[in-house]
N, C-alpha and C. Protein backbone atom coordinates (compact mmCIF):
# COMPACT_ATOMS: atom_id res chain seq x y z
N MET A 1 0.77 -1.47 -0.32
CA MET A 1 -0.39 0.14 -0.04
C MET A 1 0.78 1.50 -0.47
N ASN A 2 -0.08 2.28 -0.40
CA ASN A 2 0.97 3.38 -1.06
C ASN A 2 1.32 4.27 0.23
N GLY A 3 0.38 4.01 1.42
CA GLY A 3 -0.31 5.04 2.21
C GLY A 3 -1.73 5.65 1.96
N TYR A 4 -2.23 5.61 0.95
CA TYR A 4 -3.42 6.09 0.53
C TYR A 4 -4.78 4.79 0.10
N GLY A 5 -4.42 4.13 0.35
CA GLY A 5 -5.14 2.91 0.57
C GLY A 5 -5.00 2.78 -1.10
N GLY A 6 -4.29 2.77 -1.87
CA GLY A 6 -4.20 2.21 -3.10
C GLY A 6 -3.19 0.68 -3.24
N ARG A 7 -3.41 0.21 -4.84
CA ARG A 7 -2.25 -0.61 -4.58
C ARG A 7 -0.41 0.04 -5.12
N ARG A 8 0.69 -0.39 -4.61
CA ARG A 8 2.04 0.03 -5.16
C ARG A 8 2.15 0.32 -5.97
N THR A 9 2.58 1.28 -6.54
CA THR A 9 3.53 1.45 -7.84
C THR A 9 4.24 0.27 -8.18
N LYS A 10 5.08 0.05 -9.67
CA LYS A 10 5.89 -0.80 -9.87
C LYS A 10 7.34 0.39 -9.40
N ALA A 11 7.35 1.30 -9.13
CA ALA A 11 8.52 2.08 -8.79
C ALA A 11 8.38 2.13 -7.36
N GLU A 12 7.18 2.01 -6.93
CA GLU A 12 7.46 1.88 -4.93
C GLU A 12 7.96 0.00 -4.69
N GLN A 13 6.88 -0.80 -5.78
CA GLN A 13 7.43 -2.08 -5.59
C GLN A 13 9.46 -2.33 -5.70
N ASP A 14 9.78 -1.72 -6.62
CA ASP A 14 11.06 -1.82 -7.32
C ASP A 14 11.78 -1.13 -6.00
N ALA A 15 11.36 0.68 -4.98
CA ALA A 15 12.15 0.94 -3.83
C ALA A 15 12.27 0.31 -2.85
N ALA A 16 10.83 -0.46 -2.39
CA ALA A 16 11.19 -1.37 -1.20
C ALA A 16 11.96 -2.21 -1.73
N THR A 17 12.08 -2.77 -2.81
CA THR A 17 13.18 -3.95 -3.14
C THR A 17 14.80 -4.21 -3.19
N VAL A 18 14.87 -3.21 -3.47
CA VAL A 18 16.20 -2.18 -3.86
C VAL A 18 16.48 -2.06 -1.79
N GLU A 19 15.69 -1.45 -1.33
CA GLU A 19 15.73 -0.91 0.23
C GLU A 19 16.05 -2.02 0.74
N ALA A 20 15.06 -3.33 1.14
CA ALA A 20 15.39 -4.55 1.70
C ALA A 20 16.79 -5.14 1.29
N GLY A 21 17.26 -5.11 0.47
CA GLY A 21 18.59 -5.36 -0.30
C GLY A 21 19.67 -5.10 0.55
N TYR A 22 19.63 -3.56 -0.19
CA TYR A 22 20.50 -2.50 0.87
C TYR A 22 20.25 -2.77 2.27
N ALA A 23 19.58 -3.29 3.20
CA ALA A 23 19.21 -3.43 4.42
C ALA A 23 19.70 -4.66 5.01
N LEU A 24 19.61 -5.70 3.67
CA LEU A 24 20.39 -6.64 4.35
C LEU A 24 22.03 -7.04 3.93
N LEU A 25 22.27 -6.40 2.95
CA LEU A 25 23.83 -6.27 2.64
C LEU A 25 24.62 -5.51 3.51
N SER A 26 24.07 -4.19 4.10
CA SER A 26 24.17 -4.01 5.11
C SER A 26 24.78 -4.39 6.60
N ALA A 27 23.26 -5.13 6.91
CA ALA A 27 23.38 -5.77 7.91
C ALA A 27 24.44 -6.73 8.72
N GLY A 28 24.83 -7.37 6.71
CA GLY A 28 25.89 -8.32 7.08
C GLY A 28 27.30 -7.98 7.25
N PHE A 29 27.66 -6.84 6.25
CA PHE A 29 28.90 -5.86 6.80
C PHE A 29 29.26 -5.20 8.13
N ALA A 30 27.87 -4.57 8.86
CA ALA A 30 27.97 -4.72 10.09
C ALA A 30 28.02 -5.50 10.64
N ALA A 31 27.98 -6.64 11.04
CA ALA A 31 27.72 -7.79 11.41
C ALA A 31 29.38 -8.81 11.23
N ALA A 32 29.86 -8.42 10.43
CA ALA A 32 30.90 -8.59 9.93
C ALA A 32 32.12 -8.39 10.72
N VAL A 33 31.66 -7.40 10.32
CA VAL A 33 32.94 -6.29 11.27
C VAL A 33 32.79 -5.94 12.72
N VAL A 34 31.39 -6.08 13.26
CA VAL A 34 31.55 -6.72 14.78
C VAL A 34 32.11 -7.75 14.84
N PHE A 35 31.73 -8.85 14.16
CA PHE A 35 32.09 -10.24 14.45
C PHE A 35 34.01 -10.28 14.64
N GLY A 36 34.13 -9.29 13.12
CA GLY A 36 35.61 -9.85 13.62
C GLY A 36 36.33 -8.63 14.66
N ALA A 37 35.79 -7.38 15.26
CA ALA A 37 36.44 -7.08 15.79
C ALA A 37 36.54 -8.13 17.31
N VAL A 38 35.13 -8.60 18.01
CA VAL A 38 35.16 -8.88 19.27
C VAL A 38 35.75 -10.36 18.97
N ALA A 39 35.63 -11.39 18.13
CA ALA A 39 35.82 -12.50 17.59
C ALA A 39 37.32 -12.45 17.39
N GLY A 40 37.97 -11.69 16.91
CA GLY A 40 39.38 -11.59 15.87
C GLY A 40 40.29 -11.69 16.44
N PRO A 41 40.42 -11.60 18.09
CA PRO A 41 41.75 -11.78 18.87
C PRO A 41 41.28 -13.54 18.91
N ALA A 42 40.74 -13.98 19.05
CA ALA A 42 40.59 -15.11 18.77
C ALA A 42 41.36 -16.65 18.16
N PHE A 43 41.12 -15.73 16.98
CA PHE A 43 41.97 -16.39 16.02
C PHE A 43 43.25 -15.74 15.60
N LEU A 44 43.54 -14.64 15.96
CA LEU A 44 44.95 -13.96 15.80
C LEU A 44 45.49 -14.46 16.56
N PHE A 45 45.06 -14.44 18.33
CA PHE A 45 46.10 -14.91 19.50
C PHE A 45 45.98 -16.59 20.17
N GLU A 46 46.90 -16.77 20.62
CA GLU A 46 46.99 -17.59 21.72
C GLU A 46 46.07 -17.45 22.90
N LEU A 47 44.86 -17.61 22.86
CA LEU A 47 44.53 -17.50 24.16
C LEU A 47 44.32 -18.53 24.75
N PRO A 48 44.01 -18.60 26.13
CA PRO A 48 43.03 -19.74 27.25
C PRO A 48 41.41 -20.02 26.15
N ASP A 49 41.54 -21.10 25.84
CA ASP A 49 40.45 -21.84 25.31
C ASP A 49 38.98 -21.09 26.72
N LEU A 50 39.13 -21.12 27.62
CA LEU A 50 38.07 -20.09 28.25
C LEU A 50 37.46 -18.89 27.40
N LEU A 51 38.38 -18.38 27.09
CA LEU A 51 38.62 -16.82 26.78
C LEU A 51 38.34 -16.66 25.16
N SER A 52 38.77 -17.64 24.18
CA SER A 52 38.50 -17.89 23.48
C SER A 52 37.39 -18.10 23.00
N ALA A 53 36.44 -19.30 24.16
CA ALA A 53 34.84 -19.60 23.52
C ALA A 53 34.20 -18.27 23.82
N LEU A 54 34.35 -17.51 25.09
CA LEU A 54 33.64 -16.27 25.32
C LEU A 54 33.61 -15.23 24.63
N LEU A 55 34.95 -14.92 23.68
CA LEU A 55 35.03 -13.95 22.58
C LEU A 55 33.97 -13.96 20.98
N LEU A 56 34.71 -15.99 20.87
CA LEU A 56 33.48 -16.31 19.90
C LEU A 56 32.23 -16.03 20.07
N ARG A 57 31.30 -16.65 21.31
CA ARG A 57 30.16 -16.40 21.24
C ARG A 57 29.92 -14.99 21.65
N SER A 58 30.12 -14.41 21.78
CA SER A 58 30.56 -13.11 22.29
C SER A 58 30.10 -12.44 20.72
N GLY A 59 31.17 -12.38 20.18
CA GLY A 59 31.08 -11.64 18.93
C GLY A 59 30.01 -12.46 17.66
N LEU A 60 29.34 -13.83 18.07
CA LEU A 60 28.33 -14.24 17.56
C LEU A 60 26.79 -13.19 17.90
N ALA A 61 27.09 -13.12 19.30
CA ALA A 61 25.55 -12.58 19.72
C ALA A 61 25.65 -11.27 19.89
N LEU A 62 26.83 -10.20 19.45
CA LEU A 62 26.55 -9.06 19.33
C LEU A 62 26.39 -8.64 17.20
N ALA A 63 26.92 -9.72 16.79
CA ALA A 63 26.80 -9.36 15.51
C ALA A 63 25.38 -10.12 15.04
N ALA A 64 24.65 -10.58 15.81
CA ALA A 64 23.22 -11.07 15.57
C ALA A 64 22.27 -9.85 16.00
N VAL A 65 22.88 -9.13 16.73
CA VAL A 65 21.86 -7.62 17.45
C VAL A 65 22.37 -6.80 16.49
N VAL A 66 23.60 -6.30 15.78
CA VAL A 66 24.33 -5.26 15.24
C VAL A 66 22.70 -5.83 13.71
N GLY A 67 23.33 -7.07 13.36
CA GLY A 67 22.90 -7.23 12.01
C GLY A 67 21.11 -7.23 11.92
N VAL A 68 20.47 -7.21 13.03
CA VAL A 68 19.10 -7.06 12.92
C VAL A 68 18.61 -5.40 13.35
N ALA A 69 19.45 -5.20 14.30
CA ALA A 69 19.25 -3.82 14.26
C ALA A 69 19.73 -2.19 13.24
N ARG A 70 20.43 -3.13 12.42
CA ARG A 70 20.52 -2.52 11.29
C ARG A 70 19.49 -2.32 10.30
N VAL A 71 19.37 -3.79 9.75
CA VAL A 71 17.91 -4.09 9.13
C VAL A 71 17.08 -3.36 9.59
N VAL A 72 16.73 -3.38 11.04
CA VAL A 72 15.41 -2.28 11.91
C VAL A 72 15.81 -0.73 11.28
N SER A 73 16.46 -0.27 11.46
CA SER A 73 16.52 0.89 11.22
C SER A 73 16.96 1.16 9.79
N VAL A 74 17.50 0.42 8.91
CA VAL A 74 16.64 0.98 7.41
C VAL A 74 15.80 0.55 7.10
N LEU A 75 14.93 -0.32 7.02
CA LEU A 75 13.83 -0.31 7.24
C LEU A 75 12.55 0.26 7.96
N VAL A 76 12.72 0.96 8.91
CA VAL A 76 11.98 2.40 9.40
C VAL A 76 12.25 3.07 8.38
N ARG A 77 13.33 3.68 8.72
CA ARG A 77 13.47 5.19 8.10
C ARG A 77 13.25 5.31 7.05
N PHE A 78 13.36 3.89 6.02
CA PHE A 78 12.80 3.87 4.87
C PHE A 78 11.16 4.30 4.71
N ARG A 79 10.32 3.41 5.38
CA ARG A 79 8.80 3.76 5.95
C ARG A 79 8.58 5.49 6.36
N ARG A 80 9.46 6.04 6.42
CA ARG A 80 9.30 6.84 6.94
C ARG A 80 9.35 8.08 5.83
N GLY A 81 9.81 7.62 4.90
CA GLY A 81 10.21 8.70 3.72
C GLY A 81 11.16 9.44 3.72
N PRO A 82 11.04 10.50 2.77
CA PRO A 82 12.48 11.15 3.01
C PRO A 82 12.13 12.19 3.43
N HIS A 83 13.59 12.93 4.00
CA HIS A 83 13.49 13.97 4.79
C HIS A 83 13.78 15.05 4.00
N PRO A 84 13.21 16.17 4.11
CA PRO A 84 13.47 17.74 3.25
C PRO A 84 15.35 17.92 3.92
N SER A 85 16.51 17.84 3.05
CA SER A 85 17.58 18.12 2.68
C SER A 85 18.17 19.01 4.29
N GLN A 86 17.51 20.46 4.58
CA GLN A 86 17.98 22.02 4.94
C GLN A 86 16.36 21.96 6.06
N PRO A 87 15.95 21.53 6.76
CA PRO A 87 14.20 21.82 7.08
C PRO A 87 14.12 23.04 7.53
N GLY A 88 13.26 23.67 7.69
CA GLY A 88 12.76 25.21 7.87
C GLY A 88 13.85 26.04 6.69
N ARG A 89 14.81 25.93 5.56
CA ARG A 89 15.31 26.73 4.92
C ARG A 89 15.17 25.91 3.35
N THR A 90 14.96 27.61 3.07
CA THR A 90 14.65 27.32 1.72
C THR A 90 15.79 27.62 0.54
N SER A 91 15.58 26.53 -0.61
CA SER A 91 17.56 26.63 -1.07
C SER A 91 17.19 28.08 -2.05
N PRO A 92 18.85 28.37 -1.95
CA PRO A 92 19.01 28.82 -2.44
C PRO A 92 18.73 29.90 -4.49
N ASP A 93 18.80 28.70 -5.06
CA ASP A 93 17.85 29.19 -5.96
C ASP A 93 15.88 29.16 -6.18
N SER A 94 15.13 29.13 -4.85
CA SER A 94 14.00 29.44 -5.17
C SER A 94 13.44 30.78 -5.16
């Protein structure tokens, strides 16, 4: 629905598809960065087994949270629609 009770146009469907793809890809990237930052030392250094396991599990948990948060934030922002670039100001060529 386009907010007016009608069906979505093809352009609106395409925009939603692109935005969902962007949300998933950026969430995957953010999750990978967080996992690498948290669990990376377990792979790079010789750490005690308990500490390595803790870093790996913490990295997985944080990566999942960051990934879900990124998807939600991108899609919520998309649903709100575009915002003016400078609220309360007029453009110079108006």
